[in-house]
Amino acid sequence: MGLYSAYYLNKEGYEVTILEKESKPSGASPGNAGMIVPSHFMPMASPGMISKGFRWMFDKESPFYIQPKPSLDLLSWGWKFYKAARHEKFLERAKILSDLNKESRVLHEEVIVSEMLRVGFQTKGLISFCKTKAVFKEEIETAEQANRLGIEARVLSVEEARNLNPGLELDIAGGIYYPGDAFLTPNNLIDQLRNLLETRGVNFEFNRGVKKINTKGRKILEVQTERETYSADHYLICAGAWSSVLAGSIGITLTMQAGKGYSFTLPNPTVMPETCSILTEARVAVTPMLHGLRFAGTMEMAGLDESITRSRIQGIMRAVPSFFPQFSGEEFKGLELWAGLRPCSPDGLPYVGRTGHYDNLSFATGHAMLGLSLGAVTGKMVTRELTSNFPVHPFLNPDRT
């Protein structure tokens, strides 16, 4: 969100400074699944998710887990998630996500091609592999919804799925192919966007964790870090899972929970798939990248804790051979494991736009598992709003209830 916002604002002639608490661009971006996915139009808070969540809660290797703890913030988030999952406006939120993802897909490609970024960008699509006939049937219904929203989705037989990934053995009931999806290597994208922006005058300040935001009336006056104080005409909070902490420090309640995800990358896989994919029942993402084959998954709600829970990683590792028999699981031993926190809003839509509390403050956060996918369009929306008062949809406004 920060890099793409800086990219578009810089193109409009704005002077931009990025404050980063670590020694390099960090957060959940470097280790994510690298997918740009118009196919992911279903908000996390969707019909049926509540019952699935309760079932998964009792499985230590399941794709979804909420750590039980006394927390008013978690209770508030859970109640809003429950209401959003049952709300009649679910389809309206799905339409918004599909529109945003489709525009972002176009913008990503425009930037990557025009700036000649070497990020392993591929437009070969995504396949949702289904292990069981029951889940395959559910995914066919999702595909029908996708087609109604203008997202191309094709139902694949086992043989058709194999033909799209020559050499990859599959133990599945069928699959859904989304040819409009794309994928890339996120580490390269982050590094090359940063290098590009630095050459164009964007100022990166590393090891500058924000300690205090000073305000007066409806204005943000300055931001204090561990080392220096910074002032600007406008401020954008895009601090991922930590955005709600910064918001709370100046009296804004941003209902959000950190959703921990895990990944690991196999540098020399037995076979490299042609497409990216989702192992549907396991909620595992599989992406071919420039430096290997990445496996990513799980959603663990455990606060701002970045430690690695081994059982969650084991769940991903056990799932892979059940879909891809060529992978025994032995090749996963000794790999570097990664964990990152995704900022999750309760209704599945991000917080993008100005808040009613301060005239010179905007947000770009709450994208959950779609941070990379929606990065380009979010940066574009932030820039549209600041340059032309382009209206932000009420569902995306940080002050929505």
Protein backbone atom coordinates (compact mmCIF):
# COMPACT_ATOMS: atom_id res chain seq x y z
CA MET A 1 0.00 0.00 0.00
CA GLY A 2 2.79 2.40 0.89
CA LEU A 3 4.90 1.70 -2.19
CA TYR A 4 2.06 1.90 -4.69
CA SER A 5 0.61 5.02 -3.03
CA ALA A 6 4.06 6.62 -3.22
CA TYR A 7 4.39 5.55 -6.86
CA TYR A 8 1.18 7.23 -8.01
CA LEU A 9 1.55 10.30 -5.78
CA ASN A 10 5.11 10.82 -7.06
CA LYS A 11 3.84 10.67 -10.64
CA GLU A 12 1.42 13.48 -9.75
CA GLY A 13 4.31 15.62 -8.50
CA TYR A 14 3.90 15.13 -4.75
CA GLU A 15 6.91 15.03 -2.46
CA VAL A 16 6.60 11.74 -0.55
CA THR A 17 8.36 10.39 2.53
CA ILE A 18 7.87 6.81 3.71
CA LEU A 19 8.51 6.06 7.39
CA GLU A 20 9.36 2.38 7.98
CA LYS A 21 9.96 0.90 11.43
CA GLU A 22 12.31 -1.82 10.13
CA SER A 23 15.62 -1.58 8.28
CA LYS A 24 13.93 -2.44 4.96
CA PRO A 25 10.37 -2.68 3.56
CA SER A 26 8.68 -5.30 5.72
CA GLY A 27 5.26 -6.39 6.96
CA ALA A 28 3.35 -9.24 5.33
CA SER A 29 4.44 -8.34 1.79
CA PRO A 30 7.75 -10.22 1.26
CA GLY A 31 6.42 -13.63 2.25
CA ASN A 32 2.98 -13.59 0.69
CA ALA A 33 1.67 -15.85 -2.07
CA GLY A 34 2.34 -13.33 -4.84
CA MET A 35 -1.11 -13.65 -6.39
CA ILE A 36 -3.15 -11.00 -8.20
CA VAL A 37 -6.59 -12.51 -8.01
CA PRO A 38 -9.84 -11.16 -9.47
CA SER A 39 -11.09 -14.67 -8.60
CA HIS A 40 -10.94 -13.82 -4.87
CA PHE A 41 -14.13 -11.80 -4.76
CA MET A 42 -15.64 -13.62 -1.76
CA PRO A 43 -15.13 -11.60 1.46
CA MET A 44 -13.72 -13.59 4.36
CA ALA A 45 -16.95 -12.80 6.22
CA SER A 46 -19.24 -14.85 3.98
CA PRO A 47 -22.17 -17.24 4.44
CA GLY A 48 -20.99 -20.58 5.79
CA MET A 49 -17.71 -19.22 7.15
CA ILE A 50 -18.98 -19.19 10.74
CA SER A 51 -19.76 -22.91 10.77
CA LYS A 52 -16.48 -23.76 9.03
CA GLY A 53 -14.60 -21.62 11.52
CA PHE A 54 -16.09 -23.45 14.49
CA ARG A 55 -15.15 -26.83 12.98
CA TRP A 56 -11.60 -25.72 12.27
CA MET A 57 -11.17 -24.32 15.79
CA PHE A 58 -10.74 -27.86 17.14
CA ASP A 59 -8.07 -28.90 14.64
CA LYS A 60 -4.54 -27.74 15.50
CA GLU A 61 -3.51 -27.97 11.83
CA SER A 62 -6.62 -26.29 10.39
CA PRO A 63 -6.52 -23.29 8.01
CA PHE A 64 -8.26 -20.99 10.53
CA TYR A 65 -7.73 -20.47 14.25
CA ILE A 66 -8.65 -17.83 16.83
CA GLN A 67 -6.59 -17.88 19.99
CA PRO A 68 -9.05 -17.74 22.92
CA LYS A 69 -8.25 -14.73 25.09
CA PRO A 70 -10.13 -12.03 27.01
CA SER A 71 -10.18 -9.10 24.59
CA LEU A 72 -12.86 -6.49 23.98
CA ASP A 73 -11.29 -5.70 20.61
CA LEU A 74 -11.52 -9.35 19.54
CA LEU A 75 -15.13 -9.59 20.78
CA SER A 76 -16.08 -6.44 18.86
CA TRP A 77 -14.36 -7.75 15.72
CA GLY A 78 -16.01 -11.16 16.10
CA TRP A 79 -19.49 -9.68 16.50
CA LYS A 80 -19.08 -7.49 13.41
CA PHE A 81 -17.67 -10.47 11.48
CA TYR A 82 -20.72 -12.53 12.49
CA LYS A 83 -23.12 -9.80 11.33
CA ALA A 84 -21.24 -9.26 8.06
CA ALA A 85 -21.23 -12.99 7.28
CA ARG A 86 -25.02 -13.11 7.61
CA HIS A 87 -25.77 -9.72 6.10
CA GLU A 88 -27.91 -9.38 3.00
CA LYS A 89 -25.31 -7.01 1.53
CA PHE A 90 -22.75 -9.80 1.23
CA LEU A 91 -23.16 -9.84 -2.56
CA GLU A 92 -22.67 -6.06 -2.69
CA ARG A 93 -19.34 -6.45 -0.89
CA ALA A 94 -18.40 -9.28 -3.25
CA LYS A 95 -19.12 -7.00 -6.24
CA ILE A 96 -16.89 -4.28 -4.77
CA LEU A 97 -14.03 -6.72 -4.25
CA SER A 98 -14.37 -8.10 -7.77
CA ASP A 99 -14.32 -4.61 -9.29
CA LEU A 100 -11.31 -3.55 -7.23
CA ASN A 101 -9.38 -6.73 -8.04
CA LYS A 102 -10.10 -6.44 -11.76
CA GLU A 103 -8.90 -2.83 -11.87
CA SER A 104 -5.86 -3.68 -9.77
CA ARG A 105 -4.95 -6.53 -12.13
CA VAL A 106 -4.82 -4.04 -15.01
CA LEU A 107 -2.84 -1.47 -13.01
CA HIS A 108 -0.27 -4.02 -11.83
CA GLU A 109 0.44 -5.03 -15.40
CA GLU A 110 0.66 -1.42 -16.57
CA VAL A 111 3.26 -0.58 -13.93
CA ILE A 112 5.28 -3.78 -14.35
CA VAL A 113 5.42 -3.49 -18.14
CA SER A 114 5.93 0.27 -18.41
CA GLU A 115 8.63 0.33 -15.71
CA MET A 116 10.22 -2.91 -16.99
CA LEU A 117 10.17 -4.51 -13.53
CA ARG A 118 11.72 -7.99 -13.42
CA VAL A 119 9.33 -9.62 -10.99
CA GLY A 120 8.45 -12.93 -12.67
CA PHE A 121 5.03 -11.61 -13.68
CA GLN A 122 2.91 -14.37 -15.25
CA THR A 123 -0.62 -14.20 -16.66
CA LYS A 124 -1.27 -17.94 -16.78
CA GLY A 125 -4.18 -17.88 -14.36
CA LEU A 126 -5.10 -19.74 -11.18
CA ILE A 127 -6.68 -23.15 -10.58
CA SER A 128 -8.67 -23.99 -7.46
CA PHE A 129 -7.96 -27.70 -7.03
CA CYS A 130 -10.73 -29.62 -5.23
CA LYS A 131 -9.98 -32.87 -3.45
CA THR A 132 -13.57 -33.99 -2.86
CA LYS A 133 -16.68 -34.03 -5.00
CA ALA A 134 -18.64 -32.10 -2.36
CA VAL A 135 -16.18 -29.19 -2.34
CA PHE A 136 -15.90 -29.36 -6.14
CA LYS A 137 -19.66 -28.85 -6.31
CA GLU A 138 -19.41 -25.81 -3.98
CA GLU A 139 -16.63 -24.33 -6.09
CA ILE A 140 -18.69 -24.79 -9.27
CA GLU A 141 -21.37 -22.61 -7.64
CA THR A 142 -18.69 -20.01 -6.81
CA ALA A 143 -17.54 -20.14 -10.44
CA GLU A 144 -21.08 -19.42 -11.58
CA GLN A 145 -21.15 -16.36 -9.28
CA ALA A 146 -17.80 -15.26 -10.70
CA ASN A 147 -19.06 -15.44 -14.27
CA ARG A 148 -22.10 -13.36 -13.30
CA LEU A 149 -19.68 -10.71 -11.95
CA GLY A 150 -17.71 -10.69 -15.19
CA ILE A 151 -14.84 -12.84 -13.90
CA GLU A 152 -14.12 -15.68 -16.30
CA ALA A 153 -14.21 -19.09 -14.58
CA ARG A 154 -14.03 -22.50 -16.24
CA VAL A 155 -14.91 -25.84 -14.68
CA LEU A 156 -12.12 -28.37 -15.33
CA SER A 157 -12.12 -32.12 -15.37
CA VAL A 158 -9.11 -33.85 -13.82
CA GLU A 159 -7.63 -34.37 -17.28
CA GLU A 160 -8.14 -30.72 -18.25
CA ALA A 161 -6.45 -29.61 -15.02
CA ARG A 162 -3.48 -31.88 -15.79
CA ASN A 163 -3.20 -30.45 -19.32
CA LEU A 164 -2.75 -26.94 -17.90
CA ASN A 165 0.10 -28.18 -15.70
CA PRO A 166 2.08 -30.75 -17.73
CA GLY A 167 4.14 -33.08 -15.58
CA LEU A 168 2.26 -32.30 -12.37
CA GLU A 169 0.51 -35.34 -10.89
CA LEU A 170 -2.87 -34.55 -9.35
CA ASP A 171 -5.07 -36.40 -6.88
CA ILE A 172 -8.23 -34.32 -7.17
CA ALA A 173 -11.93 -34.49 -8.06
CA GLY A 174 -11.73 -31.48 -10.37
CA GLY A 175 -10.83 -27.83 -10.51
CA ILE A 176 -11.92 -24.31 -11.40
CA TYR A 177 -9.70 -22.29 -13.71
CA TYR A 178 -9.57 -18.49 -13.50
CA PRO A 179 -7.57 -17.40 -16.58
CA GLY A 180 -7.68 -13.70 -15.62
CA ASP A 181 -5.57 -14.19 -12.49
CA ALA A 182 -1.83 -13.50 -12.43
CA PHE A 183 1.13 -14.04 -10.14
CA LEU A 184 4.62 -12.71 -9.45
CA THR A 185 7.52 -12.83 -6.99
CA PRO A 186 6.62 -10.31 -4.26
CA ASN A 187 10.16 -9.92 -2.88
CA ASN A 188 11.33 -8.69 -6.29
CA LEU A 189 8.35 -6.37 -6.68
CA ILE A 190 9.04 -4.71 -3.33
CA ASP A 191 12.76 -4.31 -3.96
CA GLN A 192 12.35 -2.98 -7.48
CA LEU A 193 9.53 -0.57 -6.60
CA ARG A 194 11.67 0.79 -3.79
CA ASN A 195 14.68 1.23 -6.08
CA LEU A 196 12.53 2.89 -8.74
CA LEU A 197 10.96 5.30 -6.24
CA GLU A 198 14.32 6.24 -4.74
CA THR A 199 15.61 7.22 -8.19
CA ARG A 200 12.55 9.45 -8.58
CA GLY A 201 13.01 11.30 -5.33
CA VAL A 202 10.79 9.42 -2.88
CA ASN A 203 12.43 9.63 0.54
CA PHE A 204 12.67 6.37 2.52
CA GLU A 205 13.35 6.70 6.24
CA PHE A 206 14.15 3.30 7.75
CA ASN A 207 14.33 2.40 11.43
CA ARG A 208 11.76 5.14 12.05
CA GLY A 209 9.02 3.54 14.10
CA VAL A 210 6.25 6.04 14.87
CA LYS A 211 6.11 6.83 18.60
CA LYS A 212 3.58 9.66 18.68
CA ILE A 213 1.24 11.54 16.36
CA ASN A 214 0.68 15.14 17.44
CA THR A 215 -2.68 16.71 16.58
CA LYS A 216 -4.52 20.00 16.98
CA GLY A 217 -8.23 20.19 16.35
CA ARG A 218 -8.91 18.47 13.02
CA LYS A 219 -5.29 18.52 11.90
CA ILE A 220 -2.34 16.16 12.20
CA LEU A 221 0.59 18.44 13.03
CA GLU A 222 3.56 16.09 13.03
CA VAL A 223 4.75 12.54 13.54
CA GLN A 224 7.42 11.71 16.08
CA THR A 225 9.68 8.70 15.54
CA GLU A 226 12.46 7.28 17.68
CA ARG A 227 14.96 9.57 15.98
CA GLU A 228 13.25 12.53 14.33
CA THR A 229 10.02 14.46 13.93
CA TYR A 230 8.33 14.78 10.53
CA SER A 231 5.66 17.20 9.33
CA ALA A 232 3.63 17.12 6.11
CA ASP A 233 0.53 18.50 4.43
CA HIS A 234 -1.17 15.09 4.42
CA TYR A 235 -0.61 11.80 6.21
CA LEU A 236 -1.39 8.24 5.13
CA ILE A 237 -1.51 5.37 7.60
CA CYS A 238 -0.72 2.14 5.79
CA ALA A 239 0.98 0.22 8.60
CA GLY A 240 -0.72 -3.10 8.01
CA ALA A 241 -1.73 -4.93 11.18
CA TRP A 242 -0.32 -2.07 13.28
CA SER A 243 -2.58 0.55 11.65
CA SER A 244 -5.26 0.18 14.31
CA VAL A 245 -2.66 0.86 17.03
CA LEU A 246 -1.64 4.13 15.35
CA ALA A 247 -5.29 5.04 14.78
CA GLY A 248 -6.14 4.36 18.42
CA SER A 249 -3.35 6.66 19.59
CA ILE A 250 -5.24 9.62 18.08
CA GLY A 251 -8.74 8.57 19.11
CA ILE A 252 -9.85 6.61 16.04
CA THR A 253 -11.30 3.14 16.44
CA LEU A 254 -10.33 0.97 13.49
CA THR A 255 -11.89 -2.45 14.04
CA MET A 256 -9.22 -4.84 12.87
CA GLN A 257 -7.42 -8.03 13.86
CA ALA A 258 -4.03 -9.35 12.83
CA GLY A 259 -4.36 -12.59 10.85
CA LYS A 260 -1.11 -14.52 10.89
CA GLY A 261 -0.15 -16.34 7.73
CA TYR A 262 2.75 -18.67 7.02
CA SER A 263 4.83 -19.54 3.99
CA PHE A 264 7.90 -21.44 2.89
CA THR A 265 9.60 -21.70 -0.49
CA LEU A 266 11.00 -24.86 -2.08
CA PRO A 267 14.02 -23.76 -4.16
CA ASN A 268 14.25 -26.87 -6.36
CA PRO A 269 10.80 -28.48 -6.56
CA THR A 270 10.24 -31.92 -8.06
CA VAL A 271 8.06 -30.23 -10.66
CA MET A 272 7.27 -26.56 -11.22
CA PRO A 273 3.56 -25.94 -12.00
CA GLU A 274 2.63 -23.64 -14.86
CA THR A 275 -0.21 -21.90 -13.00
CA CYS A 276 -0.61 -20.72 -9.44
CA SER A 277 -3.22 -22.62 -7.48
CA ILE A 278 -5.31 -22.99 -4.35
CA LEU A 279 -5.58 -26.36 -2.60
CA THR A 280 -9.16 -25.61 -1.72
CA GLU A 281 -9.95 -27.83 1.26
CA ALA A 282 -6.63 -26.96 2.92
CA ARG A 283 -6.75 -23.25 2.00
CA VAL A 284 -3.14 -23.48 0.80
CA ALA A 285 -1.81 -21.22 -1.97
CA VAL A 286 0.88 -22.53 -4.33
CA THR A 287 2.83 -20.10 -6.52
CA PRO A 288 5.72 -20.59 -8.97
CA MET A 289 8.29 -17.85 -8.31
CA LEU A 290 11.64 -16.79 -9.66
CA HIS A 291 13.48 -18.42 -6.75
CA GLY A 292 11.32 -21.52 -6.26
CA LEU A 293 7.84 -22.80 -5.49
CA ARG A 294 6.08 -21.05 -2.62
CA PHE A 295 3.44 -22.58 -0.37
CA ALA A 296 1.41 -20.23 1.83
CA GLY A 297 -1.65 -20.44 4.01
CA THR A 298 -3.53 -20.36 7.32
CA MET A 299 -5.30 -17.55 9.13
CA GLU A 300 -4.36 -17.45 12.80
CA MET A 301 -5.84 -14.72 15.00
CA ALA A 302 -3.37 -14.35 17.87
CA GLY A 303 -2.82 -10.61 18.20
CA LEU A 304 0.41 -8.90 17.11
CA ASP A 305 2.43 -12.06 17.66
CA GLU A 306 4.79 -12.96 14.81
CA SER A 307 6.11 -16.19 16.32
CA ILE A 308 5.76 -19.41 14.34
CA THR A 309 3.28 -22.08 15.46
CA ARG A 310 4.71 -25.33 14.14
CA SER A 311 1.37 -27.12 13.92
CA ARG A 312 0.09 -24.53 11.42
CA ILE A 313 3.11 -25.08 9.18
CA GLN A 314 2.64 -28.84 9.53
CA GLY A 315 -0.91 -28.44 8.29
CA ILE A 316 0.35 -26.85 5.06
CA MET A 317 3.08 -29.45 4.61
CA ARG A 318 0.69 -32.37 5.09
CA ALA A 319 -1.83 -30.94 2.64
CA VAL A 320 0.54 -30.64 -0.32
CA PRO A 321 1.21 -34.38 -0.98
CA SER A 322 -2.49 -35.18 -0.69
CA PHE A 323 -3.11 -32.99 -3.77
CA PHE A 324 0.32 -33.34 -5.46
CA PRO A 325 1.54 -36.96 -4.94
CA GLN A 326 4.99 -36.17 -6.38
CA PHE A 327 5.74 -34.18 -3.22
CA SER A 328 6.43 -36.55 -0.33
CA GLY A 329 6.86 -33.88 2.33
CA GLU A 330 10.47 -34.89 2.96
CA GLU A 331 11.67 -32.07 0.72
CA PHE A 332 10.14 -29.53 3.13
CA LYS A 333 12.55 -30.37 5.96
CA GLY A 334 15.06 -27.68 6.83
CA LEU A 335 13.38 -24.92 4.82
CA GLU A 336 13.28 -21.36 6.13
CA LEU A 337 9.82 -20.67 7.57
CA TRP A 338 8.14 -17.29 7.38
CA ALA A 339 5.23 -15.73 9.29
CA GLY A 340 3.55 -12.39 8.70
CA LEU A 341 0.52 -10.51 9.98
CA ARG A 342 -2.32 -9.51 7.67
CA PRO A 343 -4.64 -6.63 8.67
CA CYS A 344 -8.18 -8.07 8.69
CA SER A 345 -11.32 -5.96 8.83
CA PRO A 346 -14.44 -7.77 10.10
CA ASP A 347 -16.51 -7.39 6.92
CA GLY A 348 -13.76 -8.39 4.46
CA LEU A 349 -13.33 -4.96 2.85
CA PRO A 350 -10.29 -2.72 3.34
CA TYR A 351 -10.22 0.70 4.98
CA VAL A 352 -9.30 3.18 2.25
CA GLY A 353 -9.83 6.93 2.34
CA ARG A 354 -10.13 9.88 4.67
CA THR A 355 -11.48 9.67 8.18
CA GLY A 356 -14.02 12.13 9.53
CA HIS A 357 -11.77 12.87 12.50
CA TYR A 358 -8.94 14.71 10.73
CA ASP A 359 -8.89 16.69 7.50
CA ASN A 360 -5.36 15.69 6.50
CA LEU A 361 -5.34 11.98 7.31
CA SER A 362 -6.13 8.97 5.12
CA PHE A 363 -5.95 5.21 5.61
CA ALA A 364 -4.92 2.34 3.33
CA THR A 365 -5.13 -0.83 5.36
CA GLY A 366 -7.33 -3.80 6.29
CA HIS A 367 -6.83 -5.79 3.06
CA ALA A 368 -6.40 -9.17 4.80
CA MET A 369 -5.11 -11.74 2.28
CA LEU A 370 -5.50 -9.37 -0.70
CA GLY A 371 -2.73 -6.92 0.19
CA LEU A 372 -0.64 -7.59 -2.90
CA SER A 373 -3.62 -8.12 -5.19
CA LEU A 374 -5.24 -4.81 -4.20
CA GLY A 375 -2.00 -2.87 -3.74
CA ALA A 376 -2.03 -1.11 -7.10
CA VAL A 377 -5.68 -0.05 -7.06
CA THR A 378 -5.38 1.12 -3.45
CA GLY A 379 -2.45 3.36 -4.32
CA LYS A 380 -4.47 4.69 -7.25
CA MET A 381 -7.52 5.38 -5.04
CA VAL A 382 -5.42 7.22 -2.46
CA THR A 383 -3.96 9.40 -5.22
CA ARG A 384 -7.35 10.04 -6.86
CA GLU A 385 -8.75 11.16 -3.53
CA LEU A 386 -5.91 13.57 -2.77
CA THR A 387 -5.68 15.05 -6.25
CA SER A 388 -9.32 15.38 -7.28
CA ASN A 389 -11.56 14.59 -4.29
CA PHE A 390 -12.47 11.37 -6.08
CA PRO A 391 -15.25 9.83 -3.94
CA VAL A 392 -14.42 6.68 -2.00
CA HIS A 393 -17.17 4.06 -1.78
CA PRO A 394 -18.84 4.19 1.67
CA PHE A 395 -18.01 0.51 2.23
CA LEU A 396 -14.30 1.38 1.95
CA ASN A 397 -14.39 4.44 4.21
CA PRO A 398 -12.51 4.01 7.51
CA ASP A 399 -15.47 5.48 9.41
CA ARG A 400 -17.99 2.86 8.28
CA THR A 401 -19.73 1.01 11.09
